Amino acid sequence: MKIDIDLKAGFLQSLKREVLASLTPEQRAVIEVSTGEMGNKPDAVKLGWLRLRTKEPWTKQRYQRALKATMAALTLAVAEAEKQK
């Protein structure tokens, strides 16, 4: 599966591909829409893109909860990766 995430967008620069690959497809979609060029778009555009990408309805509240959960999952994954070093 190809991951279309702009790795030059902020904190994602330091993440390894293995960490990003451990995310679910929904989590990857949330990260993609919240970073890079999409991160500067209005919420309505982000929600529309998520709807097209996941084939599910999205609300602003669902997006915000998913983003918070995804960031928590990334934090844990990065901590685990650091422990293994």
PDB file of N, CA and C in Angstrom:
ATOM      1  N   MET A   1       0.840  -1.169   0.000  1.00  0.00           N
ATOM      2  CA  MET A   1       0.000   0.000   0.000  1.00  0.00           C
ATOM      3  C   MET A   1       0.891   1.240   0.000  1.00  0.00           C
ATOM      4  N   LYS A   2       0.627   2.136  -0.892  1.00  0.00           N
ATOM      5  CA  LYS A   2       1.411   3.362  -0.988  1.00  0.00           C
ATOM      6  C   LYS A   2       0.886   4.385   0.014  1.00  0.00           C
ATOM      7  N   ILE A   3       1.791   5.040   0.706  1.00  0.00           N
ATOM      8  CA  ILE A   3       1.416   6.072   1.665  1.00  0.00           C
ATOM      9  C   ILE A   3       1.705   7.420   1.026  1.00  0.00           C
ATOM     10  N   ASP A   4       0.652   8.203   0.797  1.00  0.00           N
ATOM     11  CA  ASP A   4       0.805   9.506   0.158  1.00  0.00           C
ATOM     12  C   ASP A   4       0.820  10.616   1.197  1.00  0.00           C
ATOM     13  N   ILE A   5       1.801  10.590   2.052  1.00  0.00           N
ATOM     14  CA  ILE A   5       1.911  11.600   3.091  1.00  0.00           C
ATOM     15  C   ILE A   5       3.136  12.447   2.801  1.00  0.00           C
ATOM     16  N   ASP A   6       2.969  13.748   2.859  1.00  0.00           N
ATOM     17  CA  ASP A   6       4.071  14.664   2.631  1.00  0.00           C
ATOM     18  C   ASP A   6       4.974  14.634   3.860  1.00  0.00           C
ATOM     19  N   LEU A   7       6.093  13.932   3.763  1.00  0.00           N
ATOM     20  CA  LEU A   7       6.975  13.780   4.911  1.00  0.00           C
ATOM     21  C   LEU A   7       7.726  15.052   5.259  1.00  0.00           C
ATOM     22  N   LYS A   8       7.614  16.079   4.425  1.00  0.00           N
ATOM     23  CA  LYS A   8       8.270  17.343   4.725  1.00  0.00           C
ATOM     24  C   LYS A   8       7.385  18.242   5.575  1.00  0.00           C
ATOM     25  N   ALA A   9       6.207  17.784   5.898  1.00  0.00           N
ATOM     26  CA  ALA A   9       5.255  18.587   6.649  1.00  0.00           C
ATOM     27  C   ALA A   9       5.499  18.439   8.147  1.00  0.00           C
ATOM     28  N   GLY A  10       6.169  19.383   8.725  1.00  0.00           N
ATOM     29  CA  GLY A  10       6.343  19.473  10.168  1.00  0.00           C
ATOM     30  C   GLY A  10       6.932  18.256  10.834  1.00  0.00           C
ATOM     31  N   PHE A  11       6.231  17.757  11.833  1.00  0.00           N
ATOM     32  CA  PHE A  11       6.736  16.679  12.669  1.00  0.00           C
ATOM     33  C   PHE A  11       6.896  15.365  11.923  1.00  0.00           C
ATOM     34  N   LEU A  12       6.256  15.211  10.796  1.00  0.00           N
ATOM     35  CA  LEU A  12       6.326  13.942  10.066  1.00  0.00           C
ATOM     36  C   LEU A  12       7.706  13.680   9.493  1.00  0.00           C
ATOM     37  N   GLN A  13       8.540  14.700   9.424  1.00  0.00           N
ATOM     38  CA  GLN A  13       9.896  14.519   8.898  1.00  0.00           C
ATOM     39  C   GLN A  13      10.667  13.476   9.683  1.00  0.00           C
ATOM     40  N   SER A  14      10.480  13.484  10.984  1.00  0.00           N
ATOM     41  CA  SER A  14      11.282  12.615  11.837  1.00  0.00           C
ATOM     42  C   SER A  14      10.692  11.214  12.005  1.00  0.00           C
ATOM     43  N   LEU A  15       9.494  10.976  11.486  1.00  0.00           N
ATOM     44  CA  LEU A  15       8.870   9.663  11.641  1.00  0.00           C
ATOM     45  C   LEU A  15       9.390   8.688  10.594  1.00  0.00           C
ATOM     46  N   LYS A  16       9.547   7.473  10.998  1.00  0.00           N
ATOM     47  CA  LYS A  16       9.994   6.435  10.086  1.00  0.00           C
ATOM     48  C   LYS A  16       8.790   5.844   9.361  1.00  0.00           C
ATOM     49  N   ARG A  17       9.031   5.288   8.192  1.00  0.00           N
ATOM     50  CA  ARG A  17       7.962   4.671   7.400  1.00  0.00           C
ATOM     51  C   ARG A  17       7.253   3.560   8.177  1.00  0.00           C
ATOM     52  N   GLU A  18       7.979   2.818   8.999  1.00  0.00           N
ATOM     53  CA  GLU A  18       7.384   1.725   9.759  1.00  0.00           C
ATOM     54  C   GLU A  18       6.312   2.247  10.714  1.00  0.00           C
ATOM     55  N   VAL A  19       6.579   3.390  11.319  1.00  0.00           N
ATOM     56  CA  VAL A  19       5.620   3.984  12.245  1.00  0.00           C
ATOM     57  C   VAL A  19       4.366   4.404  11.487  1.00  0.00           C
ATOM     58  N   LEU A  20       4.538   5.043  10.344  1.00  0.00           N
ATOM     59  CA  LEU A  20       3.383   5.464   9.548  1.00  0.00           C
ATOM     60  C   LEU A  20       2.632   4.258   8.998  1.00  0.00           C
ATOM     61  N   ALA A  21       3.343   3.207   8.650  1.00  0.00           N
ATOM     62  CA  ALA A  21       2.699   2.012   8.104  1.00  0.00           C
ATOM     63  C   ALA A  21       1.876   1.285   9.161  1.00  0.00           C
ATOM     64  N   SER A  22       2.182   1.515  10.434  1.00  0.00           N
ATOM     65  CA  SER A  22       1.441   0.849  11.501  1.00  0.00           C
ATOM     66  C   SER A  22       0.061   1.457  11.724  1.00  0.00           C
ATOM     67  N   LEU A  23      -0.202   2.608  11.138  1.00  0.00           N
ATOM     68  CA  LEU A  23      -1.505   3.256  11.286  1.00  0.00           C
ATOM     69  C   LEU A  23      -2.551   2.586  10.407  1.00  0.00           C
ATOM     70  N   THR A  24      -3.806   2.696  10.817  1.00  0.00           N
ATOM     71  CA  THR A  24      -4.904   2.167  10.010  1.00  0.00           C
ATOM     72  C   THR A  24      -5.111   3.077   8.805  1.00  0.00           C
ATOM     73  N   PRO A  25      -5.802   2.597   7.769  1.00  0.00           N
ATOM     74  CA  PRO A  25      -6.070   3.455   6.608  1.00  0.00           C
ATOM     75  C   PRO A  25      -6.815   4.744   6.983  1.00  0.00           C
ATOM     76  N   GLU A  26      -7.735   4.658   7.938  1.00  0.00           N
ATOM     77  CA  GLU A  26      -8.456   5.857   8.372  1.00  0.00           C
ATOM     78  C   GLU A  26      -7.508   6.839   9.052  1.00  0.00           C
ATOM     79  N   GLN A  27      -6.622   6.333   9.892  1.00  0.00           N
ATOM     80  CA  GLN A  27      -5.662   7.197  10.576  1.00  0.00           C
ATOM     81  C   GLN A  27      -4.715   7.855   9.572  1.00  0.00           C
ATOM     82  N   ARG A  28      -4.280   7.104   8.564  1.00  0.00           N
ATOM     83  CA  ARG A  28      -3.410   7.686   7.542  1.00  0.00           C
ATOM     84  C   ARG A  28      -4.139   8.782   6.770  1.00  0.00           C
ATOM     85  N   ALA A  29      -5.419   8.575   6.495  1.00  0.00           N
ATOM     86  CA  ALA A  29      -6.202   9.589   5.790  1.00  0.00           C
ATOM     87  C   ALA A  29      -6.326  10.856   6.636  1.00  0.00           C
ATOM     88  N   VAL A  30      -6.531  10.687   7.935  1.00  0.00           N
ATOM     89  CA  VAL A  30      -6.644  11.841   8.833  1.00  0.00           C
ATOM     90  C   VAL A  30      -5.329  12.609   8.878  1.00  0.00           C
ATOM     91  N   ILE A  31      -4.204  11.896   8.930  1.00  0.00           N
ATOM     92  CA  ILE A  31      -2.897  12.560   8.938  1.00  0.00           C
ATOM     93  C   ILE A  31      -2.667  13.276   7.617  1.00  0.00           C
ATOM     94  N   GLU A  32      -3.008  12.628   6.506  1.00  0.00           N
ATOM     95  CA  GLU A  32      -2.817  13.259   5.193  1.00  0.00           C
ATOM     96  C   GLU A  32      -3.601  14.557   5.079  1.00  0.00           C
ATOM     97  N   VAL A  33      -4.834  14.548   5.563  1.00  0.00           N
ATOM     98  CA  VAL A  33      -5.682  15.733   5.407  1.00  0.00           C
ATOM     99  C   VAL A  33      -5.282  16.848   6.374  1.00  0.00           C
ATOM    100  N   SER A  34      -4.618  16.500   7.457  1.00  0.00           N
ATOM    101  CA  SER A  34      -4.269  17.525   8.442  1.00  0.00           C
ATOM    102  C   SER A  34      -2.869  18.099   8.237  1.00  0.00           C
ATOM    103  N   THR A  35      -2.105  17.563   7.280  1.00  0.00           N
ATOM    104  CA  THR A  35      -0.748  18.047   7.045  1.00  0.00           C
ATOM    105  C   THR A  35      -0.579  18.496   5.604  1.00  0.00           C
ATOM    106  N   GLY A  36       0.553  19.055   5.327  1.00  0.00           N
ATOM    107  CA  GLY A  36       0.870  19.464   3.959  1.00  0.00           C
ATOM    108  C   GLY A  36      -0.051  20.544   3.429  1.00  0.00           C
ATOM    109  N   GLU A  37      -0.296  20.523   2.140  1.00  0.00           N
ATOM    110  CA  GLU A  37      -1.143  21.526   1.508  1.00  0.00           C
ATOM    111  C   GLU A  37      -2.576  21.445   2.003  1.00  0.00           C
ATOM    112  N   MET A  38      -3.054  20.250   2.302  1.00  0.00           N
ATOM    113  CA  MET A  38      -4.426  20.075   2.772  1.00  0.00           C
ATOM    114  C   MET A  38      -4.635  20.716   4.141  1.00  0.00           C
ATOM    115  N   GLY A  39      -3.590  20.803   4.945  1.00  0.00           N
ATOM    116  CA  GLY A  39      -3.702  21.373   6.282  1.00  0.00           C
ATOM    117  C   GLY A  39      -4.120  22.827   6.282  1.00  0.00           C
ATOM    118  N   ASN A  40      -3.914  23.535   5.171  1.00  0.00           N
ATOM    119  CA  ASN A  40      -4.277  24.945   5.079  1.00  0.00           C
ATOM    120  C   ASN A  40      -5.661  25.165   4.496  1.00  0.00           C
ATOM    121  N   LYS A  41      -6.343  24.108   4.114  1.00  0.00           N
ATOM    122  CA  LYS A  41      -7.672  24.218   3.508  1.00  0.00           C
ATOM    123  C   LYS A  41      -8.731  24.371   4.591  1.00  0.00           C
ATOM    124  N   PRO A  42      -9.901  24.914   4.211  1.00  0.00           N
ATOM    125  CA  PRO A  42     -11.007  24.994   5.175  1.00  0.00           C
ATOM    126  C   PRO A  42     -11.486  23.597   5.584  1.00  0.00           C
ATOM    127  N   ASP A  43     -12.124  23.516   6.731  1.00  0.00           N
ATOM    128  CA  ASP A  43     -12.594  22.230   7.235  1.00  0.00           C
ATOM    129  C   ASP A  43     -13.561  21.548   6.269  1.00  0.00           C
ATOM    130  N   ALA A  44     -14.396  22.296   5.587  1.00  0.00           N
ATOM    131  CA  ALA A  44     -15.356  21.698   4.651  1.00  0.00           C
ATOM    132  C   ALA A  44     -14.621  20.937   3.543  1.00  0.00           C
ATOM    133  N   VAL A  45     -13.521  21.471   3.078  1.00  0.00           N
ATOM    134  CA  VAL A  45     -12.733  20.798   2.040  1.00  0.00           C
ATOM    135  C   VAL A  45     -12.105  19.529   2.607  1.00  0.00           C
ATOM    136  N   LYS A  46     -11.583  19.617   3.825  1.00  0.00           N
ATOM    137  CA  LYS A  46     -10.986  18.446   4.463  1.00  0.00           C
ATOM    138  C   LYS A  46     -12.017  17.340   4.645  1.00  0.00           C
ATOM    139  N   LEU A  47     -13.205  17.707   5.115  1.00  0.00           N
ATOM    140  CA  LEU A  47     -14.249  16.711   5.348  1.00  0.00           C
ATOM    141  C   LEU A  47     -14.692  16.073   4.040  1.00  0.00           C
ATOM    142  N   GLY A  48     -14.785  16.864   2.981  1.00  0.00           N
ATOM    143  CA  GLY A  48     -15.134  16.323   1.669  1.00  0.00           C
ATOM    144  C   GLY A  48     -14.077  15.363   1.165  1.00  0.00           C
ATOM    145  N   TRP A  49     -12.821  15.719   1.358  1.00  0.00           N
ATOM    146  CA  TRP A  49     -11.736  14.853   0.930  1.00  0.00           C
ATOM    147  C   TRP A  49     -11.763  13.546   1.715  1.00  0.00           C
ATOM    148  N   LEU A  50     -11.983  13.633   3.031  1.00  0.00           N
ATOM    149  CA  LEU A  50     -12.070  12.423   3.850  1.00  0.00           C
ATOM    150  C   LEU A  50     -13.236  11.547   3.402  1.00  0.00           C
ATOM    151  N   ARG A  51     -14.357  12.171   3.078  1.00  0.00           N
ATOM    152  CA  ARG A  51     -15.530  11.428   2.611  1.00  0.00           C
ATOM    153  C   ARG A  51     -15.200  10.675   1.323  1.00  0.00           C
ATOM    154  N   LEU A  52     -14.508  11.337   0.405  1.00  0.00           N
ATOM    155  CA  LEU A  52     -14.115  10.682  -0.840  1.00  0.00           C
ATOM    156  C   LEU A  52     -13.106   9.567  -0.600  1.00  0.00           C
ATOM    157  N   ARG A  53     -12.187   9.802   0.301  1.00  0.00           N
ATOM    158  CA  ARG A  53     -11.098   8.853   0.542  1.00  0.00           C
ATOM    159  C   ARG A  53     -11.560   7.608   1.285  1.00  0.00           C
ATOM    160  N   THR A  54     -12.433   7.780   2.290  1.00  0.00           N
ATOM    161  CA  THR A  54     -12.825   6.652   3.138  1.00  0.00           C
ATOM    162  C   THR A  54     -14.204   6.091   2.798  1.00  0.00           C
ATOM    163  N   LYS A  55     -14.943   6.788   1.956  1.00  0.00           N
ATOM    164  CA  LYS A  55     -16.305   6.378   1.577  1.00  0.00           C
ATOM    165  C   LYS A  55     -17.248   6.349   2.776  1.00  0.00           C
ATOM    166  N   GLU A  56     -16.989   7.200   3.755  1.00  0.00           N
ATOM    167  CA  GLU A  56     -17.817   7.304   4.952  1.00  0.00           C
ATOM    168  C   GLU A  56     -18.131   8.774   5.217  1.00  0.00           C
ATOM    169  N   PRO A  57     -19.267   9.053   5.852  1.00  0.00           N
ATOM    170  CA  PRO A  57     -19.573  10.452   6.192  1.00  0.00           C
ATOM    171  C   PRO A  57     -18.663  10.949   7.319  1.00  0.00           C
ATOM    172  N   TRP A  58     -18.250  12.199   7.227  1.00  0.00           N
ATOM    173  CA  TRP A  58     -17.384  12.805   8.239  1.00  0.00           C
ATOM    174  C   TRP A  58     -18.005  14.101   8.723  1.00  0.00           C
ATOM    175  N   THR A  59     -17.921  14.332  10.029  1.00  0.00           N
ATOM    176  CA  THR A  59     -18.314  15.603  10.620  1.00  0.00           C
ATOM    177  C   THR A  59     -17.058  16.236  11.204  1.00  0.00           C
ATOM    178  N   LYS A  60     -17.149  17.510  11.506  1.00  0.00           N
ATOM    179  CA  LYS A  60     -15.997  18.193  12.084  1.00  0.00           C
ATOM    180  C   LYS A  60     -15.617  17.557  13.419  1.00  0.00           C
ATOM    181  N   GLN A  61     -16.629  17.192  14.202  1.00  0.00           N
ATOM    182  CA  GLN A  61     -16.367  16.574  15.501  1.00  0.00           C
ATOM    183  C   GLN A  61     -15.674  15.222  15.333  1.00  0.00           C
ATOM    184  N   ARG A  62     -16.118  14.412  14.381  1.00  0.00           N
ATOM    185  CA  ARG A  62     -15.478  13.113  14.139  1.00  0.00           C
ATOM    186  C   ARG A  62     -14.038  13.313  13.683  1.00  0.00           C
ATOM    187  N   TYR A  63     -13.815  14.272  12.800  1.00  0.00           N
ATOM    188  CA  TYR A  63     -12.458  14.562  12.320  1.00  0.00           C
ATOM    189  C   TYR A  63     -11.548  14.958  13.473  1.00  0.00           C
ATOM    190  N   GLN A  64     -12.027  15.850  14.338  1.00  0.00           N
ATOM    191  CA  GLN A  64     -11.205  16.311  15.448  1.00  0.00           C
ATOM    192  C   GLN A  64     -10.894  15.178  16.430  1.00  0.00           C
ATOM    193  N   ARG A  65     -11.894  14.318  16.704  1.00  0.00           N
ATOM    194  CA  ARG A  65     -11.648  13.176  17.591  1.00  0.00           C
ATOM    195  C   ARG A  65     -10.665  12.194  16.955  1.00  0.00           C
ATOM    196  N   ALA A  66     -10.834  11.951  15.660  1.00  0.00           N
ATOM    197  CA  ALA A  66      -9.937  11.029  14.959  1.00  0.00           C
ATOM    198  C   ALA A  66      -8.519  11.572  14.920  1.00  0.00           C
ATOM    199  N   LEU A  67      -8.372  12.881  14.714  1.00  0.00           N
ATOM    200  CA  LEU A  67      -7.047  13.490  14.696  1.00  0.00           C
ATOM    201  C   LEU A  67      -6.385  13.374  16.067  1.00  0.00           C
ATOM    202  N   LYS A  68      -7.136  13.626  17.121  1.00  0.00           N
ATOM    203  CA  LYS A  68      -6.586  13.517  18.478  1.00  0.00           C
ATOM    204  C   LYS A  68      -6.154  12.082  18.767  1.00  0.00           C
ATOM    205  N   ALA A  69      -6.984  11.112  18.397  1.00  0.00           N
ATOM    206  CA  ALA A  69      -6.658   9.707  18.630  1.00  0.00           C
ATOM    207  C   ALA A  69      -5.452   9.281  17.792  1.00  0.00           C
ATOM    208  N   THR A  70      -5.370   9.767  16.572  1.00  0.00           N
ATOM    209  CA  THR A  70      -4.257   9.430  15.703  1.00  0.00           C
ATOM    210  C   THR A  70      -2.955  10.006  16.235  1.00  0.00           C
ATOM    211  N   MET A  71      -3.007  11.220  16.717  1.00  0.00           N
ATOM    212  CA  MET A  71      -1.807  11.827  17.290  1.00  0.00           C
ATOM    213  C   MET A  71      -1.356  11.065  18.538  1.00  0.00           C
ATOM    214  N   ALA A  72      -2.310  10.598  19.333  1.00  0.00           N
ATOM    215  CA  ALA A  72      -1.965   9.794  20.505  1.00  0.00           C
ATOM    216  C   ALA A  72      -1.325   8.477  20.067  1.00  0.00           C
ATOM    217  N   ALA A  73      -1.871   7.853  19.025  1.00  0.00           N
ATOM    218  CA  ALA A  73      -1.307   6.597  18.513  1.00  0.00           C
ATOM    219  C   ALA A  73       0.099   6.824  17.970  1.00  0.00           C
ATOM    220  N   LEU A  74       0.309   7.938  17.278  1.00  0.00           N
ATOM    221  CA  LEU A  74       1.643   8.252  16.771  1.00  0.00           C
ATOM    222  C   LEU A  74       2.628   8.479  17.903  1.00  0.00           C
ATOM    223  N   THR A  75       2.192   9.147  18.942  1.00  0.00           N
ATOM    224  CA  THR A  75       3.043   9.403  20.096  1.00  0.00           C
ATOM    225  C   THR A  75       3.500   8.080  20.716  1.00  0.00           C
ATOM    226  N   LEU A  76       2.550   7.150  20.880  1.00  0.00           N
ATOM    227  CA  LEU A  76       2.902   5.843  21.434  1.00  0.00           C
ATOM    228  C   LEU A  76       3.835   5.068  20.513  1.00  0.00           C
ATOM    229  N   ALA A  77       3.558   5.112  19.213  1.00  0.00           N
ATOM    230  CA  ALA A  77       4.394   4.383  18.247  1.00  0.00           C
ATOM    231  C   ALA A  77       5.814   4.931  18.223  1.00  0.00           C
ATOM    232  N   VAL A  78       5.953   6.244  18.307  1.00  0.00           N
ATOM    233  CA  VAL A  78       7.286   6.856  18.316  1.00  0.00           C
ATOM    234  C   VAL A  78       8.006   6.485  19.611  1.00  0.00           C
ATOM    235  N   ALA A  79       7.289   6.482  20.733  1.00  0.00           N
ATOM    236  CA  ALA A  79       7.899   6.094  22.012  1.00  0.00           C
ATOM    237  C   ALA A  79       8.380   4.653  21.951  1.00  0.00           C
ATOM    238  N   GLU A  80       7.586   3.764  21.373  1.00  0.00           N
ATOM    239  CA  GLU A  80       7.982   2.358  21.232  1.00  0.00           C
ATOM    240  C   GLU A  80       9.217   2.226  20.346  1.00  0.00           C
ATOM    241  N   ALA A  81       9.244   2.983  19.238  1.00  0.00           N
ATOM    242  CA  ALA A  81      10.378   2.936  18.330  1.00  0.00           C
ATOM    243  C   ALA A  81      11.652   3.433  19.025  1.00  0.00           C
ATOM    244  N   GLU A  82      11.507   4.440  19.874  1.00  0.00           N
ATOM    245  CA  GLU A  82      12.664   4.965  20.604  1.00  0.00           C
ATOM    246  C   GLU A  82      13.177   3.958  21.633  1.00  0.00           C
ATOM    247  N   LYS A  83      12.269   3.209  22.239  1.00  0.00           N
ATOM    248  CA  LYS A  83      12.675   2.195  23.220  1.00  0.00           C
ATOM    249  C   LYS A  83      13.485   1.084  22.562  1.00  0.00           C
ATOM    250  N   GLN A  84      13.131   0.776  21.312  1.00  0.00           N
ATOM    251  CA  GLN A  84      13.785  -0.326  20.624  1.00  0.00           C
ATOM    252  C   GLN A  84      15.182   0.037  20.154  1.00  0.00           C
ATOM    253  N   LYS A  85      15.535   1.300  20.155  1.00  0.00           N
ATOM    254  CA  LYS A  85      16.867   1.716  19.707  1.00  0.00           C
ATOM    255  C   LYS A  85      17.930   1.329  20.663  1.00  0.00           C
TER     256      LYS A  85
END
